[in-house]
Amino acid sequence: MVSTTSSPVHSQVSDWKFVEIWIDPTSEIPYVLLLIADEAEEYKIYDPKENYTVIFASSSYDEVKNFLVEDEYEQVRGRYQD
């Protein structure tokens, strides 16, 4: 059976452009974060473990990417685009 309810991140993001999945492979259990870009050129990092709370946001992709890389996150191959 498919759920008809939206995920918490779905209610926060409208007109998304792409999603990237990032993991921290140094932790015992890989920790996952979602980088979501919207059509307004806002880039936000969501933490699924914290009920999809935005933990960092910027209008610069490079700034958001640097935030992740500095904390030793690695991008899972590929980008999911709308």
PDB file of N, CA and C in Angstrom:
ATOM      1  N   MET A   1       0.839  -1.186   0.000  1.00  0.00           N
ATOM      2  CA  MET A   1       0.000   0.000   0.000  1.00  0.00           C
ATOM      3  C   MET A   1       0.877   1.240   0.000  1.00  0.00           C
ATOM      4  N   VAL A   2       0.587   2.198  -0.838  1.00  0.00           N
ATOM      5  CA  VAL A   2       1.348   3.431  -0.942  1.00  0.00           C
ATOM      6  C   VAL A   2       0.727   4.479  -0.032  1.00  0.00           C
ATOM      7  N   SER A   3       1.590   5.131   0.749  1.00  0.00           N
ATOM      8  CA  SER A   3       1.114   6.174   1.647  1.00  0.00           C
ATOM      9  C   SER A   3       0.770   7.425   0.850  1.00  0.00           C
ATOM     10  N   THR A   4      -0.321   8.080   1.233  1.00  0.00           N
ATOM     11  CA  THR A   4      -0.707   9.310   0.549  1.00  0.00           C
ATOM     12  C   THR A   4      -0.246  10.540   1.307  1.00  0.00           C
ATOM     13  N   THR A   5       0.406  10.349   2.453  1.00  0.00           N
ATOM     14  CA  THR A   5       0.901  11.488   3.209  1.00  0.00           C
ATOM     15  C   THR A   5       2.243  11.931   2.654  1.00  0.00           C
ATOM     16  N   SER A   6       2.512  13.192   2.780  1.00  0.00           N
ATOM     17  CA  SER A   6       3.774  13.741   2.310  1.00  0.00           C
ATOM     18  C   SER A   6       4.832  13.595   3.383  1.00  0.00           C
ATOM     19  N   SER A   7       6.082  13.506   2.955  1.00  0.00           N
ATOM     20  CA  SER A   7       7.173  13.507   3.911  1.00  0.00           C
ATOM     21  C   SER A   7       7.331  14.918   4.459  1.00  0.00           C
ATOM     22  N   PRO A   8       7.976  15.070   5.628  1.00  0.00           N
ATOM     23  CA  PRO A   8       8.182  16.411   6.177  1.00  0.00           C
ATOM     24  C   PRO A   8       8.938  17.329   5.221  1.00  0.00           C
ATOM     25  N   VAL A   9       9.906  16.801   4.499  1.00  0.00           N
ATOM     26  CA  VAL A   9      10.664  17.647   3.575  1.00  0.00           C
ATOM     27  C   VAL A   9       9.798  18.071   2.395  1.00  0.00           C
ATOM     28  N   HIS A  10       8.872  17.226   1.968  1.00  0.00           N
ATOM     29  CA  HIS A  10       7.990  17.574   0.850  1.00  0.00           C
ATOM     30  C   HIS A  10       7.158  18.802   1.171  1.00  0.00           C
ATOM     31  N   SER A  11       6.711  18.941   2.400  1.00  0.00           N
ATOM     32  CA  SER A  11       5.899  20.092   2.774  1.00  0.00           C
ATOM     33  C   SER A  11       6.734  21.368   2.897  1.00  0.00           C
ATOM     34  N   GLN A  12       8.066  21.231   2.998  1.00  0.00           N
ATOM     35  CA  GLN A  12       8.941  22.398   3.134  1.00  0.00           C
ATOM     36  C   GLN A  12       9.509  22.873   1.804  1.00  0.00           C
ATOM     37  N   VAL A  13       9.512  22.022   0.804  1.00  0.00           N
ATOM     38  CA  VAL A  13      10.151  22.343  -0.471  1.00  0.00           C
ATOM     39  C   VAL A  13       9.102  22.354  -1.571  1.00  0.00           C
ATOM     40  N   SER A  14       9.035  23.453  -2.274  1.00  0.00           N
ATOM     41  CA  SER A  14       8.168  23.488  -3.453  1.00  0.00           C
ATOM     42  C   SER A  14       9.041  23.823  -4.653  1.00  0.00           C
ATOM     43  N   ASP A  15       8.707  23.276  -5.770  1.00  0.00           N
ATOM     44  CA  ASP A  15       9.442  23.532  -7.008  1.00  0.00           C
ATOM     45  C   ASP A  15      10.932  23.224  -6.862  1.00  0.00           C
ATOM     46  N   TRP A  16      11.231  22.018  -6.403  1.00  0.00           N
ATOM     47  CA  TRP A  16      12.636  21.644  -6.257  1.00  0.00           C
ATOM     48  C   TRP A  16      13.260  21.400  -7.610  1.00  0.00           C
ATOM     49  N   LYS A  17      14.546  21.675  -7.677  1.00  0.00           N
ATOM     50  CA  LYS A  17      15.310  21.568  -8.915  1.00  0.00           C
ATOM     51  C   LYS A  17      16.120  20.275  -8.941  1.00  0.00           C
ATOM     52  N   PHE A  18      16.820  19.982  -7.848  1.00  0.00           N
ATOM     53  CA  PHE A  18      17.554  18.732  -7.735  1.00  0.00           C
ATOM     54  C   PHE A  18      17.789  18.373  -6.279  1.00  0.00           C
ATOM     55  N   VAL A  19      18.125  17.087  -6.063  1.00  0.00           N
ATOM     56  CA  VAL A  19      18.428  16.558  -4.744  1.00  0.00           C
ATOM     57  C   VAL A  19      19.744  15.787  -4.841  1.00  0.00           C
ATOM     58  N   GLU A  20      20.606  16.004  -3.850  1.00  0.00           N
ATOM     59  CA  GLU A  20      21.827  15.221  -3.725  1.00  0.00           C
ATOM     60  C   GLU A  20      21.819  14.540  -2.365  1.00  0.00           C
ATOM     61  N   ILE A  21      22.334  13.342  -2.320  1.00  0.00           N
ATOM     62  CA  ILE A  21      22.444  12.598  -1.068  1.00  0.00           C
ATOM     63  C   ILE A  21      23.913  12.601  -0.667  1.00  0.00           C
ATOM     64  N   TRP A  22      24.171  12.967   0.577  1.00  0.00           N
ATOM     65  CA  TRP A  22      25.528  13.020   1.116  1.00  0.00           C
ATOM     66  C   TRP A  22      25.591  12.137   2.352  1.00  0.00           C
ATOM     67  N   ILE A  23      26.714  11.438   2.530  1.00  0.00           N
ATOM     68  CA  ILE A  23      26.878  10.583   3.705  1.00  0.00           C
ATOM     69  C   ILE A  23      28.200  10.883   4.399  1.00  0.00           C
ATOM     70  N   ASP A  24      28.228  10.593   5.688  1.00  0.00           N
ATOM     71  CA  ASP A  24      29.461  10.649   6.469  1.00  0.00           C
ATOM     72  C   ASP A  24      29.919   9.207   6.627  1.00  0.00           C
ATOM     73  N   PRO A  25      30.869   8.770   5.809  1.00  0.00           N
ATOM     74  CA  PRO A  25      31.293   7.372   5.862  1.00  0.00           C
ATOM     75  C   PRO A  25      32.193   7.060   7.054  1.00  0.00           C
ATOM     76  N   THR A  26      32.590   8.079   7.811  1.00  0.00           N
ATOM     77  CA  THR A  26      33.482   7.843   8.951  1.00  0.00           C
ATOM     78  C   THR A  26      32.727   7.408  10.197  1.00  0.00           C
ATOM     79  N   SER A  27      31.418   7.607  10.215  1.00  0.00           N
ATOM     80  CA  SER A  27      30.649   7.194  11.388  1.00  0.00           C
ATOM     81  C   SER A  27      30.402   5.682  11.338  1.00  0.00           C
ATOM     82  N   GLU A  28      30.110   5.113  12.493  1.00  0.00           N
ATOM     83  CA  GLU A  28      29.879   3.666  12.566  1.00  0.00           C
ATOM     84  C   GLU A  28      28.735   3.240  11.651  1.00  0.00           C
ATOM     85  N   ILE A  29      27.662   3.999  11.685  1.00  0.00           N
ATOM     86  CA  ILE A  29      26.539   3.805  10.766  1.00  0.00           C
ATOM     87  C   ILE A  29      26.520   5.059   9.898  1.00  0.00           C
ATOM     88  N   PRO A  30      26.644   4.928   8.574  1.00  0.00           N
ATOM     89  CA  PRO A  30      26.704   6.127   7.722  1.00  0.00           C
ATOM     90  C   PRO A  30      25.547   7.081   7.995  1.00  0.00           C
ATOM     91  N   TYR A  31      25.903   8.332   8.191  1.00  0.00           N
ATOM     92  CA  TYR A  31      24.925   9.384   8.472  1.00  0.00           C
ATOM     93  C   TYR A  31      24.575  10.066   7.157  1.00  0.00           C
ATOM     94  N   VAL A  32      23.298  10.226   6.880  1.00  0.00           N
ATOM     95  CA  VAL A  32      22.825  10.747   5.601  1.00  0.00           C
ATOM     96  C   VAL A  32      22.260  12.154   5.766  1.00  0.00           C
ATOM     97  N   LEU A  33      22.601  13.030   4.817  1.00  0.00           N
ATOM     98  CA  LEU A  33      22.006  14.357   4.719  1.00  0.00           C
ATOM     99  C   LEU A  33      21.517  14.556   3.289  1.00  0.00           C
ATOM    100  N   LEU A  34      20.500  15.376   3.114  1.00  0.00           N
ATOM    101  CA  LEU A  34      19.960  15.685   1.794  1.00  0.00           C
ATOM    102  C   LEU A  34      20.234  17.143   1.458  1.00  0.00           C
ATOM    103  N   LEU A  35      20.806  17.386   0.296  1.00  0.00           N
ATOM    104  CA  LEU A  35      20.981  18.744  -0.209  1.00  0.00           C
ATOM    105  C   LEU A  35      19.915  18.938  -1.275  1.00  0.00           C
ATOM    106  N   ILE A  36      19.048  19.915  -1.063  1.00  0.00           N
ATOM    107  CA  ILE A  36      17.957  20.151  -2.003  1.00  0.00           C
ATOM    108  C   ILE A  36      18.043  21.586  -2.522  1.00  0.00           C
ATOM    109  N   ALA A  37      18.026  21.714  -3.846  1.00  0.00           N
ATOM    110  CA  ALA A  37      18.019  23.021  -4.500  1.00  0.00           C
ATOM    111  C   ALA A  37      16.615  23.282  -5.020  1.00  0.00           C
ATOM    112  N   ASP A  38      16.159  24.522  -4.844  1.00  0.00           N
ATOM    113  CA  ASP A  38      14.844  24.850  -5.383  1.00  0.00           C
ATOM    114  C   ASP A  38      14.984  25.810  -6.555  1.00  0.00           C
ATOM    115  N   GLU A  39      13.884  26.079  -7.199  1.00  0.00           N
ATOM    116  CA  GLU A  39      13.880  26.948  -8.383  1.00  0.00           C
ATOM    117  C   GLU A  39      14.301  28.378  -8.065  1.00  0.00           C
ATOM    118  N   ALA A  40      14.215  28.782  -6.801  1.00  0.00           N
ATOM    119  CA  ALA A  40      14.614  30.134  -6.391  1.00  0.00           C
ATOM    120  C   ALA A  40      16.116  30.220  -6.119  1.00  0.00           C
ATOM    121  N   GLU A  41      16.852  29.151  -6.485  1.00  0.00           N
ATOM    122  CA  GLU A  41      18.303  29.081  -6.283  1.00  0.00           C
ATOM    123  C   GLU A  41      18.693  29.128  -4.806  1.00  0.00           C
ATOM    124  N   GLU A  42      17.880  28.526  -3.962  1.00  0.00           N
ATOM    125  CA  GLU A  42      18.200  28.324  -2.554  1.00  0.00           C
ATOM    126  C   GLU A  42      18.652  26.884  -2.387  1.00  0.00           C
ATOM    127  N   TYR A  43      19.716  26.690  -1.639  1.00  0.00           N
ATOM    128  CA  TYR A  43      20.270  25.363  -1.392  1.00  0.00           C
ATOM    129  C   TYR A  43      20.171  25.096   0.099  1.00  0.00           C
ATOM    130  N   LYS A  44      19.535  23.995   0.462  1.00  0.00           N
ATOM    131  CA  LYS A  44      19.315  23.676   1.874  1.00  0.00           C
ATOM    132  C   LYS A  44      19.744  22.246   2.152  1.00  0.00           C
ATOM    133  N   ILE A  45      20.321  22.064   3.326  1.00  0.00           N
ATOM    134  CA  ILE A  45      20.703  20.731   3.779  1.00  0.00           C
ATOM    135  C   ILE A  45      19.699  20.301   4.833  1.00  0.00           C
ATOM    136  N   TYR A  46      19.067  19.158   4.589  1.00  0.00           N
ATOM    137  CA  TYR A  46      18.068  18.597   5.504  1.00  0.00           C
ATOM    138  C   TYR A  46      18.649  17.366   6.192  1.00  0.00           C
ATOM    139  N   ASP A  47      18.321  17.232   7.466  1.00  0.00           N
ATOM    140  CA  ASP A  47      18.763  16.080   8.241  1.00  0.00           C
ATOM    141  C   ASP A  47      17.573  15.159   8.491  1.00  0.00           C
ATOM    142  N   PRO A  48      17.492  14.026   7.778  1.00  0.00           N
ATOM    143  CA  PRO A  48      16.364  13.107   7.960  1.00  0.00           C
ATOM    144  C   PRO A  48      16.248  12.582   9.392  1.00  0.00           C
ATOM    145  N   LYS A  49      17.362  12.432  10.063  1.00  0.00           N
ATOM    146  CA  LYS A  49      17.341  11.911  11.429  1.00  0.00           C
ATOM    147  C   LYS A  49      16.716  12.904  12.408  1.00  0.00           C
ATOM    148  N   GLU A  50      16.737  14.183  12.053  1.00  0.00           N
ATOM    149  CA  GLU A  50      16.172  15.237  12.903  1.00  0.00           C
ATOM    150  C   GLU A  50      14.861  15.758  12.319  1.00  0.00           C
ATOM    151  N   ASN A  51      14.035  14.846  11.820  1.00  0.00           N
ATOM    152  CA  ASN A  51      12.732  15.183  11.246  1.00  0.00           C
ATOM    153  C   ASN A  51      12.854  16.186  10.093  1.00  0.00           C
ATOM    154  N   TYR A  52      13.895  16.019   9.301  1.00  0.00           N
ATOM    155  CA  TYR A  52      14.127  16.842   8.116  1.00  0.00           C
ATOM    156  C   TYR A  52      14.287  18.329   8.444  1.00  0.00           C
ATOM    157  N   THR A  53      14.950  18.605   9.539  1.00  0.00           N
ATOM    158  CA  THR A  53      15.263  19.976   9.915  1.00  0.00           C
ATOM    159  C   THR A  53      16.322  20.530   8.963  1.00  0.00           C
ATOM    160  N   VAL A  54      16.196  21.792   8.597  1.00  0.00           N
ATOM    161  CA  VAL A  54      17.227  22.444   7.788  1.00  0.00           C
ATOM    162  C   VAL A  54      18.390  22.759   8.721  1.00  0.00           C
ATOM    163  N   ILE A  55      19.571  22.199   8.402  1.00  0.00           N
ATOM    164  CA  ILE A  55      20.732  22.445   9.261  1.00  0.00           C
ATOM    165  C   ILE A  55      21.692  23.471   8.665  1.00  0.00           C
ATOM    166  N   PHE A  56      21.528  23.779   7.369  1.00  0.00           N
ATOM    167  CA  PHE A  56      22.352  24.802   6.730  1.00  0.00           C
ATOM    168  C   PHE A  56      21.655  25.215   5.448  1.00  0.00           C
ATOM    169  N   ALA A  57      21.732  26.500   5.135  1.00  0.00           N
ATOM    170  CA  ALA A  57      21.117  27.007   3.907  1.00  0.00           C
ATOM    171  C   ALA A  57      21.949  28.153   3.354  1.00  0.00           C
ATOM    172  N   SER A  58      21.911  28.300   2.036  1.00  0.00           N
ATOM    173  CA  SER A  58      22.639  29.378   1.381  1.00  0.00           C
ATOM    174  C   SER A  58      22.097  29.550  -0.032  1.00  0.00           C
ATOM    175  N   SER A  59      22.375  30.707  -0.607  1.00  0.00           N
ATOM    176  CA  SER A  59      22.024  30.920  -2.017  1.00  0.00           C
ATOM    177  C   SER A  59      23.196  30.530  -2.918  1.00  0.00           C
ATOM    178  N   SER A  60      24.262  29.993  -2.319  1.00  0.00           N
ATOM    179  CA  SER A  60      25.441  29.562  -3.067  1.00  0.00           C
ATOM    180  C   SER A  60      25.635  28.048  -2.931  1.00  0.00           C
ATOM    181  N   TYR A  61      25.629  27.361  -4.083  1.00  0.00           N
ATOM    182  CA  TYR A  61      25.858  25.920  -4.060  1.00  0.00           C
ATOM    183  C   TYR A  61      27.246  25.609  -3.495  1.00  0.00           C
ATOM    184  N   ASP A  62      28.243  26.375  -3.907  1.00  0.00           N
ATOM    185  CA  ASP A  62      29.607  26.133  -3.434  1.00  0.00           C
ATOM    186  C   ASP A  62      29.717  26.254  -1.913  1.00  0.00           C
ATOM    187  N   GLU A  63      29.021  27.199  -1.339  1.00  0.00           N
ATOM    188  CA  GLU A  63      29.044  27.376   0.114  1.00  0.00           C
ATOM    189  C   GLU A  63      28.434  26.166   0.826  1.00  0.00           C
ATOM    190  N   VAL A  64      27.331  25.675   0.301  1.00  0.00           N
ATOM    191  CA  VAL A  64      26.678  24.507   0.891  1.00  0.00           C
ATOM    192  C   VAL A  64      27.555  23.265   0.721  1.00  0.00           C
ATOM    193  N   LYS A  65      28.131  23.109  -0.457  1.00  0.00           N
ATOM    194  CA  LYS A  65      29.007  21.972  -0.717  1.00  0.00           C
ATOM    195  C   LYS A  65      30.232  22.015   0.197  1.00  0.00           C
ATOM    196  N   ASN A  66      30.824  23.188   0.378  1.00  0.00           N
ATOM    197  CA  ASN A  66      31.977  23.326   1.272  1.00  0.00           C
ATOM    198  C   ASN A  66      31.622  22.976   2.710  1.00  0.00           C
ATOM    199  N   PHE A  67      30.420  23.339   3.135  1.00  0.00           N
ATOM    200  CA  PHE A  67      29.954  22.987   4.475  1.00  0.00           C
ATOM    201  C   PHE A  67      29.972  21.465   4.649  1.00  0.00           C
ATOM    202  N   LEU A  68      29.486  20.749   3.658  1.00  0.00           N
ATOM    203  CA  LEU A  68      29.438  19.289   3.726  1.00  0.00           C
ATOM    204  C   LEU A  68      30.833  18.674   3.667  1.00  0.00           C
ATOM    205  N   VAL A  69      31.652  19.155   2.765  1.00  0.00           N
ATOM    206  CA  VAL A  69      32.997  18.608   2.598  1.00  0.00           C
ATOM    207  C   VAL A  69      33.850  18.853   3.844  1.00  0.00           C
ATOM    208  N   GLU A  70      33.719  20.022   4.449  1.00  0.00           N
ATOM    209  CA  GLU A  70      34.470  20.332   5.672  1.00  0.00           C
ATOM    210  C   GLU A  70      34.126  19.374   6.795  1.00  0.00           C
ATOM    211  N   ASP A  71      32.893  18.907   6.818  1.00  0.00           N
ATOM    212  CA  ASP A  71      32.469  17.946   7.849  1.00  0.00           C
ATOM    213  C   ASP A  71      32.666  16.508   7.386  1.00  0.00           C
ATOM    214  N   GLU A  72      33.449  16.316   6.328  1.00  0.00           N
ATOM    215  CA  GLU A  72      33.844  15.007   5.806  1.00  0.00           C
ATOM    216  C   GLU A  72      32.705  14.194   5.193  1.00  0.00           C
ATOM    217  N   TYR A  73      31.678  14.884   4.733  1.00  0.00           N
ATOM    218  CA  TYR A  73      30.611  14.185   4.005  1.00  0.00           C
ATOM    219  C   TYR A  73      31.053  13.968   2.570  1.00  0.00           C
ATOM    220  N   GLU A  74      30.561  12.884   1.988  1.00  0.00           N
ATOM    221  CA  GLU A  74      30.842  12.562   0.597  1.00  0.00           C
ATOM    222  C   GLU A  74      29.522  12.416  -0.142  1.00  0.00           C
ATOM    223  N   GLN A  75      29.501  12.915  -1.364  1.00  0.00           N
ATOM    224  CA  GLN A  75      28.284  12.829  -2.163  1.00  0.00           C
ATOM    225  C   GLN A  75      28.109  11.417  -2.697  1.00  0.00           C
ATOM    226  N   VAL A  76      26.895  10.912  -2.550  1.00  0.00           N
ATOM    227  CA  VAL A  76      26.546   9.643  -3.175  1.00  0.00           C
ATOM    228  C   VAL A  76      26.462   9.927  -4.662  1.00  0.00           C
ATOM    229  N   ARG A  77      27.002   9.050  -5.465  1.00  0.00           N
ATOM    230  CA  ARG A  77      27.083   9.291  -6.904  1.00  0.00           C
ATOM    231  C   ARG A  77      25.722   9.635  -7.498  1.00  0.00           C
ATOM    232  N   GLY A  78      25.721  10.688  -8.279  1.00  0.00           N
ATOM    233  CA  GLY A  78      24.509  11.077  -8.991  1.00  0.00           C
ATOM    234  C   GLY A  78      23.765  12.215  -8.343  1.00  0.00           C
ATOM    235  N   ARG A  79      22.870  12.745  -9.113  1.00  0.00           N
ATOM    236  CA  ARG A  79      22.017  13.849  -8.680  1.00  0.00           C
ATOM    237  C   ARG A  79      20.630  13.529  -9.212  1.00  0.00           C
ATOM    238  N   TYR A  80      19.638  13.697  -8.384  1.00  0.00           N
ATOM    239  CA  TYR A  80      18.246  13.441  -8.778  1.00  0.00           C
ATOM    240  C   TYR A  80      17.614  14.761  -9.161  1.00  0.00           C
ATOM    241  N   GLN A  81      17.180  14.858 -10.422  1.00  0.00           N
ATOM    242  CA  GLN A  81      16.618  16.113 -10.919  1.00  0.00           C
ATOM    243  C   GLN A  81      15.143  15.965 -11.211  1.00  0.00           C
ATOM    244  N   ASP A  82      14.453  17.082 -11.042  1.00  0.00           N
ATOM    245  CA  ASP A  82      13.030  17.137 -11.310  1.00  0.00           C
ATOM    246  C   ASP A  82      12.792  17.090 -12.792  1.00  0.00           C
TER     247      ASP A  82
END
